[in-house]
mmCIF file of all heavy atoms, coordinates in Angstrom:
data_MODEL
# 
_entry.id   MODEL 
# 
loop_
_atom_site.group_PDB 
_atom_site.id 
_atom_site.type_symbol 
_atom_site.label_atom_id 
_atom_site.label_alt_id 
_atom_site.label_comp_id 
_atom_site.label_asym_id 
_atom_site.label_entity_id 
_atom_site.label_seq_id 
_atom_site.pdbx_PDB_ins_code 
_atom_site.Cartn_x 
_atom_site.Cartn_y 
_atom_site.Cartn_z 
_atom_site.occupancy 
_atom_site.B_iso_or_equiv 
_atom_site.pdbx_formal_charge 
_atom_site.auth_seq_id 
_atom_site.auth_comp_id 
_atom_site.auth_asym_id 
_atom_site.auth_atom_id 
_atom_site.pdbx_PDB_model_num 
ATOM 1   N N   . LYS A 1 1  ? -7.453  -42.817 84.232 1.00 0.00 ? 1  LYS A N   1 
ATOM 2   C CA  . LYS A 1 1  ? -8.260  -41.962 85.104 1.00 0.00 ? 1  LYS A CA  1 
ATOM 3   C C   . LYS A 1 1  ? -8.462  -40.562 84.531 1.00 0.00 ? 1  LYS A C   1 
ATOM 4   O O   . LYS A 1 1  ? -9.508  -39.952 84.731 1.00 0.00 ? 1  LYS A O   1 
ATOM 5   C CB  . LYS A 1 1  ? -7.610  -41.861 86.487 1.00 0.00 ? 1  LYS A CB  1 
ATOM 6   C CG  . LYS A 1 1  ? -7.681  -43.136 87.300 1.00 0.00 ? 1  LYS A CG  1 
ATOM 7   C CD  . LYS A 1 1  ? -9.106  -43.468 87.694 1.00 0.00 ? 1  LYS A CD  1 
ATOM 8   C CE  . LYS A 1 1  ? -9.671  -42.492 88.706 1.00 0.00 ? 1  LYS A CE  1 
ATOM 9   N NZ  . LYS A 1 1  ? -11.068 -42.833 89.084 1.00 0.00 ? 1  LYS A NZ  1 
ATOM 10  N N   . ALA A 1 2  ? -7.460  -40.034 83.840 1.00 0.00 ? 2  ALA A N   1 
ATOM 11  C CA  . ALA A 1 2  ? -7.581  -38.674 83.309 1.00 0.00 ? 2  ALA A CA  1 
ATOM 12  C C   . ALA A 1 2  ? -8.640  -38.565 82.235 1.00 0.00 ? 2  ALA A C   1 
ATOM 13  O O   . ALA A 1 2  ? -9.176  -37.476 81.996 1.00 0.00 ? 2  ALA A O   1 
ATOM 14  C CB  . ALA A 1 2  ? -6.232  -38.215 82.754 1.00 0.00 ? 2  ALA A CB  1 
ATOM 15  N N   . ASN A 1 3  ? -8.969  -39.668 81.583 1.00 0.00 ? 3  ASN A N   1 
ATOM 16  C CA  . ASN A 1 3  ? -9.813  -39.607 80.393 1.00 0.00 ? 3  ASN A CA  1 
ATOM 17  C C   . ASN A 1 3  ? -11.156 -40.302 80.508 1.00 0.00 ? 3  ASN A C   1 
ATOM 18  O O   . ASN A 1 3  ? -12.078 -39.989 79.757 1.00 0.00 ? 3  ASN A O   1 
ATOM 19  C CB  . ASN A 1 3  ? -9.035  -40.205 79.206 1.00 0.00 ? 3  ASN A CB  1 
ATOM 20  C CG  . ASN A 1 3  ? -7.821  -39.377 78.854 1.00 0.00 ? 3  ASN A CG  1 
ATOM 21  O OD1 . ASN A 1 3  ? -7.935  -38.268 78.353 1.00 0.00 ? 3  ASN A OD1 1 
ATOM 22  N ND2 . ASN A 1 3  ? -6.634  -39.907 79.126 1.00 0.00 ? 3  ASN A ND2 1 
ATOM 23  N N   . ILE A 1 4  ? -11.287 -41.244 81.419 1.00 0.00 ? 4  ILE A N   1 
ATOM 24  C CA  . ILE A 1 4  ? -12.554 -41.978 81.495 1.00 0.00 ? 4  ILE A CA  1 
ATOM 25  C C   . ILE A 1 4  ? -13.676 -41.099 82.033 1.00 0.00 ? 4  ILE A C   1 
ATOM 26  O O   . ILE A 1 4  ? -14.821 -41.197 81.588 1.00 0.00 ? 4  ILE A O   1 
ATOM 27  C CB  . ILE A 1 4  ? -12.394 -43.268 82.347 1.00 0.00 ? 4  ILE A CB  1 
ATOM 28  C CG1 . ILE A 1 4  ? -13.543 -44.227 82.084 1.00 0.00 ? 4  ILE A CG1 1 
ATOM 29  C CG2 . ILE A 1 4  ? -12.250 -42.938 83.818 1.00 0.00 ? 4  ILE A CG2 1 
ATOM 30  C CD1 . ILE A 1 4  ? -13.521 -44.865 80.723 1.00 0.00 ? 4  ILE A CD1 1 
ATOM 31  N N   . ALA A 1 5  ? -13.373 -40.220 82.997 1.00 0.00 ? 5  ALA A N   1 
ATOM 32  C CA  . ALA A 1 5  ? -14.417 -39.349 83.555 1.00 0.00 ? 5  ALA A CA  1 
ATOM 33  C C   . ALA A 1 5  ? -14.933 -38.342 82.523 1.00 0.00 ? 5  ALA A C   1 
ATOM 34  O O   . ALA A 1 5  ? -16.146 -38.166 82.383 1.00 0.00 ? 5  ALA A O   1 
ATOM 35  C CB  . ALA A 1 5  ? -13.906 -38.642 84.816 1.00 0.00 ? 5  ALA A CB  1 
ATOM 36  N N   . PRO A 1 6  ? -14.065 -37.636 81.767 1.00 0.00 ? 6  PRO A N   1 
ATOM 37  C CA  . PRO A 1 6  ? -14.606 -36.770 80.714 1.00 0.00 ? 6  PRO A CA  1 
ATOM 38  C C   . PRO A 1 6  ? -15.358 -37.541 79.641 1.00 0.00 ? 6  PRO A C   1 
ATOM 39  O O   . PRO A 1 6  ? -16.353 -37.050 79.101 1.00 0.00 ? 6  PRO A O   1 
ATOM 40  C CB  . PRO A 1 6  ? -13.347 -36.098 80.134 1.00 0.00 ? 6  PRO A CB  1 
ATOM 41  C CG  . PRO A 1 6  ? -12.333 -36.182 81.203 1.00 0.00 ? 6  PRO A CG  1 
ATOM 42  C CD  . PRO A 1 6  ? -12.609 -37.465 81.924 1.00 0.00 ? 6  PRO A CD  1 
ATOM 43  N N   . LEU A 1 7  ? -14.902 -38.752 79.309 1.00 0.00 ? 7  LEU A N   1 
ATOM 44  C CA  . LEU A 1 7  ? -15.559 -39.528 78.254 1.00 0.00 ? 7  LEU A CA  1 
ATOM 45  C C   . LEU A 1 7  ? -17.009 -39.827 78.600 1.00 0.00 ? 7  LEU A C   1 
ATOM 46  O O   . LEU A 1 7  ? -17.899 -39.720 77.742 1.00 0.00 ? 7  LEU A O   1 
ATOM 47  C CB  . LEU A 1 7  ? -14.791 -40.834 78.016 1.00 0.00 ? 7  LEU A CB  1 
ATOM 48  C CG  . LEU A 1 7  ? -15.386 -41.761 76.940 1.00 0.00 ? 7  LEU A CG  1 
ATOM 49  C CD1 . LEU A 1 7  ? -15.337 -41.098 75.569 1.00 0.00 ? 7  LEU A CD1 1 
ATOM 50  C CD2 . LEU A 1 7  ? -14.652 -43.099 76.914 1.00 0.00 ? 7  LEU A CD2 1 
ATOM 51  N N   . ILE A 1 8  ? -17.291 -40.187 79.852 1.00 0.00 ? 8  ILE A N   1 
ATOM 52  C CA  . ILE A 1 8  ? -18.670 -40.557 80.202 1.00 0.00 ? 8  ILE A CA  1 
ATOM 53  C C   . ILE A 1 8  ? -19.579 -39.337 80.172 1.00 0.00 ? 8  ILE A C   1 
ATOM 54  O O   . ILE A 1 8  ? -20.727 -39.423 79.710 1.00 0.00 ? 8  ILE A O   1 
ATOM 55  C CB  . ILE A 1 8  ? -18.723 -41.265 81.579 1.00 0.00 ? 8  ILE A CB  1 
ATOM 56  C CG1 . ILE A 1 8  ? -20.125 -41.858 81.793 1.00 0.00 ? 8  ILE A CG1 1 
ATOM 57  C CG2 . ILE A 1 8  ? -18.349 -40.333 82.715 1.00 0.00 ? 8  ILE A CG2 1 
ATOM 58  C CD1 . ILE A 1 8  ? -20.216 -42.755 83.020 1.00 0.00 ? 8  ILE A CD1 1 
ATOM 59  N N   . ALA A 1 9  ? -19.094 -38.190 80.635 1.00 0.00 ? 9  ALA A N   1 
ATOM 60  C CA  . ALA A 1 9  ? -19.954 -37.000 80.648 1.00 0.00 ? 9  ALA A CA  1 
ATOM 61  C C   . ALA A 1 9  ? -20.173 -36.451 79.250 1.00 0.00 ? 9  ALA A C   1 
ATOM 62  O O   . ALA A 1 9  ? -21.213 -35.842 78.972 1.00 0.00 ? 9  ALA A O   1 
ATOM 63  C CB  . ALA A 1 9  ? -19.341 -35.929 81.553 1.00 0.00 ? 9  ALA A CB  1 
ATOM 64  N N   . GLU A 1 10 ? -19.235 -36.663 78.337 1.00 0.00 ? 10 GLU A N   1 
ATOM 65  C CA  . GLU A 1 10 ? -19.385 -36.169 76.969 1.00 0.00 ? 10 GLU A CA  1 
ATOM 66  C C   . GLU A 1 10 ? -20.498 -36.881 76.206 1.00 0.00 ? 10 GLU A C   1 
ATOM 67  O O   . GLU A 1 10 ? -20.917 -36.404 75.153 1.00 0.00 ? 10 GLU A O   1 
ATOM 68  C CB  . GLU A 1 10 ? -18.060 -36.328 76.214 1.00 0.00 ? 10 GLU A CB  1 
ATOM 69  C CG  . GLU A 1 10 ? -17.049 -35.258 76.561 1.00 0.00 ? 10 GLU A CG  1 
ATOM 70  C CD  . GLU A 1 10 ? -15.737 -35.442 75.840 1.00 0.00 ? 10 GLU A CD  1 
ATOM 71  O OE1 . GLU A 1 10 ? -15.453 -36.562 75.365 1.00 0.00 ? 10 GLU A OE1 1 
ATOM 72  O OE2 . GLU A 1 10 ? -14.990 -34.454 75.743 1.00 0.00 ? 10 GLU A OE2 1 
ATOM 73  N N   . GLN A 1 11 ? -20.977 -37.975 76.750 1.00 0.00 ? 11 GLN A N   1 
ATOM 74  C CA  . GLN A 1 11 ? -22.074 -38.672 76.077 1.00 0.00 ? 11 GLN A CA  1 
ATOM 75  C C   . GLN A 1 11 ? -23.395 -37.905 76.232 1.00 0.00 ? 11 GLN A C   1 
ATOM 76  O O   . GLN A 1 11 ? -24.369 -38.201 75.545 1.00 0.00 ? 11 GLN A O   1 
ATOM 77  C CB  . GLN A 1 11 ? -22.217 -40.100 76.619 1.00 0.00 ? 11 GLN A CB  1 
ATOM 78  C CG  . GLN A 1 11 ? -20.931 -40.927 76.582 1.00 0.00 ? 11 GLN A CG  1 
ATOM 79  C CD  . GLN A 1 11 ? -20.211 -40.849 75.254 1.00 0.00 ? 11 GLN A CD  1 
ATOM 80  O OE1 . GLN A 1 11 ? -20.780 -41.136 74.189 1.00 0.00 ? 11 GLN A OE1 1 
ATOM 81  N NE2 . GLN A 1 11 ? -18.940 -40.447 75.295 1.00 0.00 ? 11 GLN A NE2 1 
ATOM 82  N N   . TYR A 1 12 ? -23.448 -36.931 77.148 1.00 0.00 ? 12 TYR A N   1 
ATOM 83  C CA  . TYR A 1 12 ? -24.626 -36.070 77.302 1.00 0.00 ? 12 TYR A CA  1 
ATOM 84  C C   . TYR A 1 12 ? -24.433 -34.829 76.439 1.00 0.00 ? 12 TYR A C   1 
ATOM 85  O O   . TYR A 1 12 ? -23.429 -34.121 76.569 1.00 0.00 ? 12 TYR A O   1 
ATOM 86  C CB  . TYR A 1 12 ? -24.806 -35.685 78.773 1.00 0.00 ? 12 TYR A CB  1 
ATOM 87  C CG  . TYR A 1 12 ? -26.018 -34.825 79.029 1.00 0.00 ? 12 TYR A CG  1 
ATOM 88  C CD1 . TYR A 1 12 ? -27.308 -35.338 78.892 1.00 0.00 ? 12 TYR A CD1 1 
ATOM 89  C CD2 . TYR A 1 12 ? -25.878 -33.491 79.408 1.00 0.00 ? 12 TYR A CD2 1 
ATOM 90  C CE1 . TYR A 1 12 ? -28.424 -34.542 79.125 1.00 0.00 ? 12 TYR A CE1 1 
ATOM 91  C CE2 . TYR A 1 12 ? -26.988 -32.696 79.653 1.00 0.00 ? 12 TYR A CE2 1 
ATOM 92  C CZ  . TYR A 1 12 ? -28.253 -33.227 79.499 1.00 0.00 ? 12 TYR A CZ  1 
ATOM 93  O OH  . TYR A 1 12 ? -29.352 -32.443 79.728 1.00 0.00 ? 12 TYR A OH  1 
ATOM 94  N N   . ARG A 1 13 ? -25.377 -34.523 75.557 1.00 0.00 ? 13 ARG A N   1 
ATOM 95  C CA  . ARG A 1 13 ? -25.164 -33.510 74.529 1.00 0.00 ? 13 ARG A CA  1 
ATOM 96  C C   . ARG A 1 13 ? -25.540 -32.095 74.949 1.00 0.00 ? 13 ARG A C   1 
ATOM 97  O O   . ARG A 1 13 ? -25.011 -31.136 74.399 1.00 0.00 ? 13 ARG A O   1 
ATOM 98  C CB  . ARG A 1 13 ? -25.957 -33.884 73.263 1.00 0.00 ? 13 ARG A CB  1 
ATOM 99  C CG  . ARG A 1 13 ? -25.590 -35.264 72.749 1.00 0.00 ? 13 ARG A CG  1 
ATOM 100 C CD  . ARG A 1 13 ? -26.191 -35.536 71.391 1.00 0.00 ? 13 ARG A CD  1 
ATOM 101 N NE  . ARG A 1 13 ? -25.876 -36.874 70.919 1.00 0.00 ? 13 ARG A NE  1 
ATOM 102 C CZ  . ARG A 1 13 ? -25.829 -37.224 69.654 1.00 0.00 ? 13 ARG A CZ  1 
ATOM 103 N NH1 . ARG A 1 13 ? -26.087 -36.345 68.721 1.00 0.00 ? 13 ARG A NH1 1 
ATOM 104 N NH2 . ARG A 1 13 ? -25.532 -38.457 69.315 1.00 0.00 ? 13 ARG A NH2 1 
ATOM 105 N N   . GLU A 1 14 ? -26.496 -31.941 75.844 1.00 0.00 ? 14 GLU A N   1 
ATOM 106 C CA  . GLU A 1 14 ? -26.905 -30.591 76.244 1.00 0.00 ? 14 GLU A CA  1 
ATOM 107 C C   . GLU A 1 14 ? -25.781 -29.936 77.054 1.00 0.00 ? 14 GLU A C   1 
ATOM 108 O O   . GLU A 1 14 ? -25.211 -30.550 77.950 1.00 0.00 ? 14 GLU A O   1 
ATOM 109 C CB  . GLU A 1 14 ? -28.169 -30.648 77.105 1.00 0.00 ? 14 GLU A CB  1 
ATOM 110 C CG  . GLU A 1 14 ? -29.404 -31.096 76.353 1.00 0.00 ? 14 GLU A CG  1 
ATOM 111 C CD  . GLU A 1 14 ? -29.961 -30.031 75.431 1.00 0.00 ? 14 GLU A CD  1 
ATOM 112 O OE1 . GLU A 1 14 ? -29.504 -28.881 75.520 1.00 0.00 ? 14 GLU A OE1 1 
ATOM 113 O OE2 . GLU A 1 14 ? -30.853 -30.352 74.635 1.00 0.00 ? 14 GLU A OE2 1 
ATOM 114 N N   . ASP A 1 15 ? -25.483 -28.682 76.746 1.00 0.00 ? 15 ASP A N   1 
ATOM 115 C CA  . ASP A 1 15 ? -24.434 -27.996 77.487 1.00 0.00 ? 15 ASP A CA  1 
ATOM 116 C C   . ASP A 1 15 ? -24.884 -26.651 78.052 1.00 0.00 ? 15 ASP A C   1 
ATOM 117 O O   . ASP A 1 15 ? -24.080 -25.914 78.610 1.00 0.00 ? 15 ASP A O   1 
ATOM 118 C CB  . ASP A 1 15 ? -23.191 -27.796 76.613 1.00 0.00 ? 15 ASP A CB  1 
ATOM 119 C CG  . ASP A 1 15 ? -23.475 -26.945 75.376 1.00 0.00 ? 15 ASP A CG  1 
ATOM 120 O OD1 . ASP A 1 15 ? -24.643 -26.573 75.174 1.00 0.00 ? 15 ASP A OD1 1 
ATOM 121 O OD2 . ASP A 1 15 ? -22.528 -26.664 74.620 1.00 0.00 ? 15 ASP A OD2 1 
ATOM 122 N N   . ARG A 1 16 ? -26.189 -26.329 77.909 1.00 0.00 ? 16 ARG A N   1 
ATOM 123 C CA  . ARG A 1 16 ? -26.692 -25.066 78.445 1.00 0.00 ? 16 ARG A CA  1 
ATOM 124 C C   . ARG A 1 16 ? -28.034 -25.299 79.140 1.00 0.00 ? 16 ARG A C   1 
ATOM 125 O O   . ARG A 1 16 ? -28.852 -26.116 78.673 1.00 0.00 ? 16 ARG A O   1 
ATOM 126 C CB  . ARG A 1 16 ? -26.894 -24.036 77.314 1.00 0.00 ? 16 ARG A CB  1 
ATOM 127 C CG  . ARG A 1 16 ? -25.646 -23.741 76.526 1.00 0.00 ? 16 ARG A CG  1 
ATOM 128 C CD  . ARG A 1 16 ? -25.870 -22.627 75.516 1.00 0.00 ? 16 ARG A CD  1 
ATOM 129 N NE  . ARG A 1 16 ? -27.048 -22.850 74.692 1.00 0.00 ? 16 ARG A NE  1 
ATOM 130 C CZ  . ARG A 1 16 ? -27.072 -23.619 73.620 1.00 0.00 ? 16 ARG A CZ  1 
ATOM 131 N NH1 . ARG A 1 16 ? -25.989 -24.276 73.252 1.00 0.00 ? 16 ARG A NH1 1 
ATOM 132 N NH2 . ARG A 1 16 ? -28.168 -23.762 72.918 1.00 0.00 ? 16 ARG A NH2 1 
ATOM 133 N N   . PRO A 1 17 ? -28.291 -24.599 80.234 1.00 0.00 ? 17 PRO A N   1 
ATOM 134 C CA  . PRO A 1 17 ? -29.588 -24.737 80.899 1.00 0.00 ? 17 PRO A CA  1 
ATOM 135 C C   . PRO A 1 17 ? -30.699 -24.115 80.061 1.00 0.00 ? 17 PRO A C   1 
ATOM 136 O O   . PRO A 1 17 ? -30.473 -23.157 79.311 1.00 0.00 ? 17 PRO A O   1 
ATOM 137 C CB  . PRO A 1 17 ? -29.391 -23.984 82.216 1.00 0.00 ? 17 PRO A CB  1 
ATOM 138 C CG  . PRO A 1 17 ? -28.311 -23.007 81.939 1.00 0.00 ? 17 PRO A CG  1 
ATOM 139 C CD  . PRO A 1 17 ? -27.400 -23.656 80.939 1.00 0.00 ? 17 PRO A CD  1 
ATOM 140 N N   . TYR A 1 18 ? -31.892 -24.673 80.169 1.00 0.00 ? 18 TYR A N   1 
ATOM 141 C CA  . TYR A 1 18 ? -33.028 -24.096 79.468 1.00 0.00 ? 18 TYR A CA  1 
ATOM 142 C C   . TYR A 1 18 ? -34.282 -24.278 80.325 1.00 0.00 ? 18 TYR A C   1 
ATOM 143 O O   . TYR A 1 18 ? -34.354 -25.131 81.202 1.00 0.00 ? 18 TYR A O   1 
ATOM 144 C CB  . TYR A 1 18 ? -33.225 -24.723 78.084 1.00 0.00 ? 18 TYR A CB  1 
ATOM 145 C CG  . TYR A 1 18 ? -33.493 -26.211 78.078 1.00 0.00 ? 18 TYR A CG  1 
ATOM 146 C CD1 . TYR A 1 18 ? -34.791 -26.712 78.212 1.00 0.00 ? 18 TYR A CD1 1 
ATOM 147 C CD2 . TYR A 1 18 ? -32.453 -27.122 77.928 1.00 0.00 ? 18 TYR A CD2 1 
ATOM 148 C CE1 . TYR A 1 18 ? -35.046 -28.071 78.207 1.00 0.00 ? 18 TYR A CE1 1 
ATOM 149 C CE2 . TYR A 1 18 ? -32.697 -28.484 77.921 1.00 0.00 ? 18 TYR A CE2 1 
ATOM 150 C CZ  . TYR A 1 18 ? -33.992 -28.955 78.058 1.00 0.00 ? 18 TYR A CZ  1 
ATOM 151 O OH  . TYR A 1 18 ? -34.244 -30.307 78.057 1.00 0.00 ? 18 TYR A OH  1 
ATOM 152 N N   . VAL A 1 19 ? -35.264 -23.446 80.041 1.00 0.00 ? 19 VAL A N   1 
ATOM 153 C CA  . VAL A 1 19 ? -36.519 -23.462 80.793 1.00 0.00 ? 19 VAL A CA  1 
ATOM 154 C C   . VAL A 1 19 ? -37.544 -24.266 80.013 1.00 0.00 ? 19 VAL A C   1 
ATOM 155 O O   . VAL A 1 19 ? -37.643 -24.149 78.786 1.00 0.00 ? 19 VAL A O   1 
ATOM 156 C CB  . VAL A 1 19 ? -37.039 -22.027 81.021 1.00 0.00 ? 19 VAL A CB  1 
ATOM 157 C CG1 . VAL A 1 19 ? -38.375 -22.058 81.772 1.00 0.00 ? 19 VAL A CG1 1 
ATOM 158 C CG2 . VAL A 1 19 ? -36.015 -21.212 81.795 1.00 0.00 ? 19 VAL A CG2 1 
ATOM 159 N N   . THR A 1 20 ? -38.292 -25.099 80.702 1.00 0.00 ? 20 THR A N   1 
ATOM 160 C CA  . THR A 1 20 ? -39.382 -25.830 80.076 1.00 0.00 ? 20 THR A CA  1 
ATOM 161 C C   . THR A 1 20 ? -40.555 -25.885 81.059 1.00 0.00 ? 20 THR A C   1 
ATOM 162 O O   . THR A 1 20 ? -40.404 -25.577 82.243 1.00 0.00 ? 20 THR A O   1 
ATOM 163 C CB  . THR A 1 20 ? -38.941 -27.247 79.668 1.00 0.00 ? 20 THR A CB  1 
ATOM 164 O OG1 . THR A 1 20 ? -39.942 -27.837 78.837 1.00 0.00 ? 20 THR A OG1 1 
ATOM 165 C CG2 . THR A 1 20 ? -38.722 -28.121 80.893 1.00 0.00 ? 20 THR A CG2 1 
ATOM 166 N N   . THR A 1 21 ? -41.719 -26.268 80.558 1.00 0.00 ? 21 THR A N   1 
ATOM 167 C CA  . THR A 1 21 ? -42.928 -26.283 81.369 1.00 0.00 ? 21 THR A CA  1 
ATOM 168 C C   . THR A 1 21 ? -43.458 -27.705 81.493 1.00 0.00 ? 21 THR A C   1 
ATOM 169 O O   . THR A 1 21 ? -43.598 -28.414 80.485 1.00 0.00 ? 21 THR A O   1 
ATOM 170 C CB  . THR A 1 21 ? -44.014 -25.386 80.749 1.00 0.00 ? 21 THR A CB  1 
ATOM 171 O OG1 . THR A 1 21 ? -43.487 -24.067 80.583 1.00 0.00 ? 21 THR A OG1 1 
ATOM 172 C CG2 . THR A 1 21 ? -45.241 -25.329 81.646 1.00 0.00 ? 21 THR A CG2 1 
ATOM 173 N N   . LEU A 1 22 ? -43.736 -28.119 82.710 1.00 0.00 ? 22 LEU A N   1 
ATOM 174 C CA  . LEU A 1 22 ? -44.314 -29.443 82.942 1.00 0.00 ? 22 LEU A CA  1 
ATOM 175 C C   . LEU A 1 22 ? -45.809 -29.434 82.643 1.00 0.00 ? 22 LEU A C   1 
ATOM 176 O O   . LEU A 1 22 ? -46.430 -28.379 82.527 1.00 0.00 ? 22 LEU A O   1 
ATOM 177 C CB  . LEU A 1 22 ? -44.082 -29.868 84.386 1.00 0.00 ? 22 LEU A CB  1 
ATOM 178 C CG  . LEU A 1 22 ? -42.646 -29.869 84.914 1.00 0.00 ? 22 LEU A CG  1 
ATOM 179 C CD1 . LEU A 1 22 ? -42.628 -30.372 86.335 1.00 0.00 ? 22 LEU A CD1 1 
ATOM 180 C CD2 . LEU A 1 22 ? -41.749 -30.695 84.034 1.00 0.00 ? 22 LEU A CD2 1 
ATOM 181 N N   . ALA A 1 23 ? -46.385 -30.619 82.547 1.00 0.00 ? 23 ALA A N   1 
ATOM 182 C CA  . ALA A 1 23 ? -47.829 -30.732 82.320 1.00 0.00 ? 23 ALA A CA  1 
ATOM 183 C C   . ALA A 1 23 ? -48.609 -30.113 83.474 1.00 0.00 ? 23 ALA A C   1 
ATOM 184 O O   . ALA A 1 23 ? -49.730 -29.636 83.301 1.00 0.00 ? 23 ALA A O   1 
ATOM 185 C CB  . ALA A 1 23 ? -48.227 -32.192 82.152 1.00 0.00 ? 23 ALA A CB  1 
ATOM 186 N N   . SER A 1 24 ? -47.986 -30.102 84.657 1.00 0.00 ? 24 SER A N   1 
ATOM 187 C CA  . SER A 1 24 ? -48.644 -29.504 85.827 1.00 0.00 ? 24 SER A CA  1 
ATOM 188 C C   . SER A 1 24 ? -48.674 -27.991 85.744 1.00 0.00 ? 24 SER A C   1 
ATOM 189 O O   . SER A 1 24 ? -49.344 -27.332 86.543 1.00 0.00 ? 24 SER A O   1 
ATOM 190 C CB  . SER A 1 24 ? -47.910 -29.929 87.102 1.00 0.00 ? 24 SER A CB  1 
ATOM 191 O OG  . SER A 1 24 ? -46.579 -29.436 87.088 1.00 0.00 ? 24 SER A OG  1 
ATOM 192 N N   . GLY A 1 25 ? -47.946 -27.439 84.781 1.00 0.00 ? 25 GLY A N   1 
ATOM 193 C CA  . GLY A 1 25 ? -47.888 -25.987 84.655 1.00 0.00 ? 25 GLY A CA  1 
ATOM 194 C C   . GLY A 1 25 ? -46.655 -25.383 85.300 1.00 0.00 ? 25 GLY A C   1 
ATOM 195 O O   . GLY A 1 25 ? -46.382 -24.195 85.118 1.00 0.00 ? 25 GLY A O   1 
ATOM 196 N N   . GLU A 1 26 ? -45.888 -26.190 86.042 1.00 0.00 ? 26 GLU A N   1 
ATOM 197 C CA  . GLU A 1 26 ? -44.692 -25.667 86.697 1.00 0.00 ? 26 GLU A CA  1 
ATOM 198 C C   . GLU A 1 26 ? -43.596 -25.463 85.661 1.00 0.00 ? 26 GLU A C   1 
ATOM 199 O O   . GLU A 1 26 ? -43.327 -26.318 84.835 1.00 0.00 ? 26 GLU A O   1 
ATOM 200 C CB  . GLU A 1 26 ? -44.204 -26.630 87.769 1.00 0.00 ? 26 GLU A CB  1 
ATOM 201 C CG  . GLU A 1 26 ? -42.943 -26.125 88.487 1.00 0.00 ? 26 GLU A CG  1 
ATOM 202 C CD  . GLU A 1 26 ? -42.357 -27.148 89.439 1.00 0.00 ? 26 GLU A CD  1 
ATOM 203 O OE1 . GLU A 1 26 ? -42.832 -28.305 89.440 1.00 0.00 ? 26 GLU A OE1 1 
ATOM 204 O OE2 . GLU A 1 26 ? -41.405 -26.800 90.162 1.00 0.00 ? 26 GLU A OE2 1 
ATOM 205 N N   . ARG A 1 27 ? -42.978 -24.300 85.718 1.00 0.00 ? 27 ARG A N   1 
ATOM 206 C CA  . ARG A 1 27 ? -41.828 -24.018 84.866 1.00 0.00 ? 27 ARG A CA  1 
ATOM 207 C C   . ARG A 1 27 ? -40.555 -24.348 85.630 1.00 0.00 ? 27 ARG A C   1 
ATOM 208 O O   . ARG A 1 27 ? -40.371 -23.925 86.772 1.00 0.00 ? 27 ARG A O   1 
ATOM 209 C CB  . ARG A 1 27 ? -41.839 -22.554 84.416 1.00 0.00 ? 27 ARG A CB  1 
ATOM 210 C CG  . ARG A 1 27 ? -43.107 -22.179 83.646 1.00 0.00 ? 27 ARG A CG  1 
ATOM 211 C CD  . ARG A 1 27 ? -43.112 -20.719 83.227 1.00 0.00 ? 27 ARG A CD  1 
ATOM 212 N NE  . ARG A 1 27 ? -42.191 -20.460 82.134 1.00 0.00 ? 27 ARG A NE  1 
ATOM 213 C CZ  . ARG A 1 27 ? -41.131 -19.653 82.217 1.00 0.00 ? 27 ARG A CZ  1 
ATOM 214 N NH1 . ARG A 1 27 ? -40.870 -19.036 83.359 1.00 0.00 ? 27 ARG A NH1 1 
ATOM 215 N NH2 . ARG A 1 27 ? -40.337 -19.469 81.177 1.00 0.00 ? 27 ARG A NH2 1 
ATOM 216 N N   . VAL A 1 28 ? -39.686 -25.120 85.002 1.00 0.00 ? 28 VAL A N   1 
ATOM 217 C CA  . VAL A 1 28 ? -38.456 -25.556 85.652 1.00 0.00 ? 28 VAL A CA  1 
ATOM 218 C C   . VAL A 1 28 ? -37.277 -25.328 84.717 1.00 0.00 ? 28 VAL A C   1 
ATOM 219 O O   . VAL A 1 28 ? -37.450 -25.138 83.512 1.00 0.00 ? 28 VAL A O   1 
ATOM 220 C CB  . VAL A 1 28 ? -38.515 -27.055 86.034 1.00 0.00 ? 28 VAL A CB  1 
ATOM 221 C CG1 . VAL A 1 28 ? -39.583 -27.317 87.077 1.00 0.00 ? 28 VAL A CG1 1 
ATOM 222 C CG2 . VAL A 1 28 ? -38.732 -27.915 84.793 1.00 0.00 ? 28 VAL A CG2 1 
# 
């Protein structure tokens, strides 16, 4: 239990929020 939860989340590489723009023009 101590290790399976961190292992699954570590498969996602982004670690910082960033701003991007959708085709609709909305910035999120």
